[in-house]
């Protein structure tokens, strides 16, 4: 059994805090977007969830809503698709400039986490195995295609939701795709293709600033030798594949221990997901990337892992918010455990507390 990870705001903090929720589709209706797909549904759900927690909530969908507005007590920012490379760093940078506490991590850690090449170097420095890889930065001279094996992954170094990712075996196609990515304004990451199943290790922050590891998830697919497309990840095309709890305690421990080895490089942050490949035949594990401030939608990996503990999505959002407020000194303490979600459970047609585990501690 694990300690109960849930944290709750004290009533007086819930009443006094002025929070800005910043996301591209925060003002949307909740309908899917033609380009961003279910990302728009996700942003609407988060806005409604935060409102449901009884917070004093402002809504913004542009950087100007942070730059020009009266300073809130805290910025709950998901604005990481701003239409330019590395836009995920702008809201944290502006918040730091204005001395406003914000969700996620410091701008420099966001940059490290979202630079897939640098995170692989950090992983190797901590003794975590990764597939062989190489980087070609824009404006760094003639393009050279590395020899990392017969099958390589060629992708943007700052790819989001698998945009621009291809598995290739023909070197001419590798070059053509890399040149196209450079033309689109991206650095290009080359990576040896790793065999095995895809694992996700979710983590959030705890009451005392420590990482709290959630159940490891595996991606169930009819073909482990392919990469999910942007269209699949954004719900623009139907798919029956998805993440489910791994269940194998030995492999879960192996993956979690590997993720924990990297934490001295990138902690503290509020929530994220480490991605690995695990080869069933050899028993080997390979780190792929870190998704710091990953998708918080209830239907995505972090939310599904949390729900596997019998806990509600609203409790996850409030727990992450509490950790961020605590680590930045916005609040002094929190409530701990159950007590606020029964009304929400009834509204969803669920029995209050149904399926919740008996926590230790």
Foldseek 3Di string as FASTA:
>chain_A
DAFFFFFFFDPVCQVPFEEEEEAQLLVPPLQADLPLANVNVLNVVVNVLSVVSNHNYDYYHDLCCCQVDDAGQEYAYPHQPHPDPRSNLVSLVSCVVVVHFYAFAHSVLSVCQQQQVNLQVLLVVLVAAAFDKDKAFAPPDDDDDDPRDQWKWKAFRRDDLAPLIDIDRDVVVSVVSCVVVVVVVGIIMIGDDDDAWKKKWKWFAGFVRDIDTFFIKTKDDPDRRDDDHSCDSSVVDDDPIAIDGPPPPVVRVVVVVSVVSSCVVRDDHGIWMWMWGAHPVVRGIHTRHIGGVDRLGCRHDVNNRVCLQVDHSSSVVSSSVNSSCCVSVVDPGTHDDDDPCCVVCVVVVHHPSPPHDDHDD
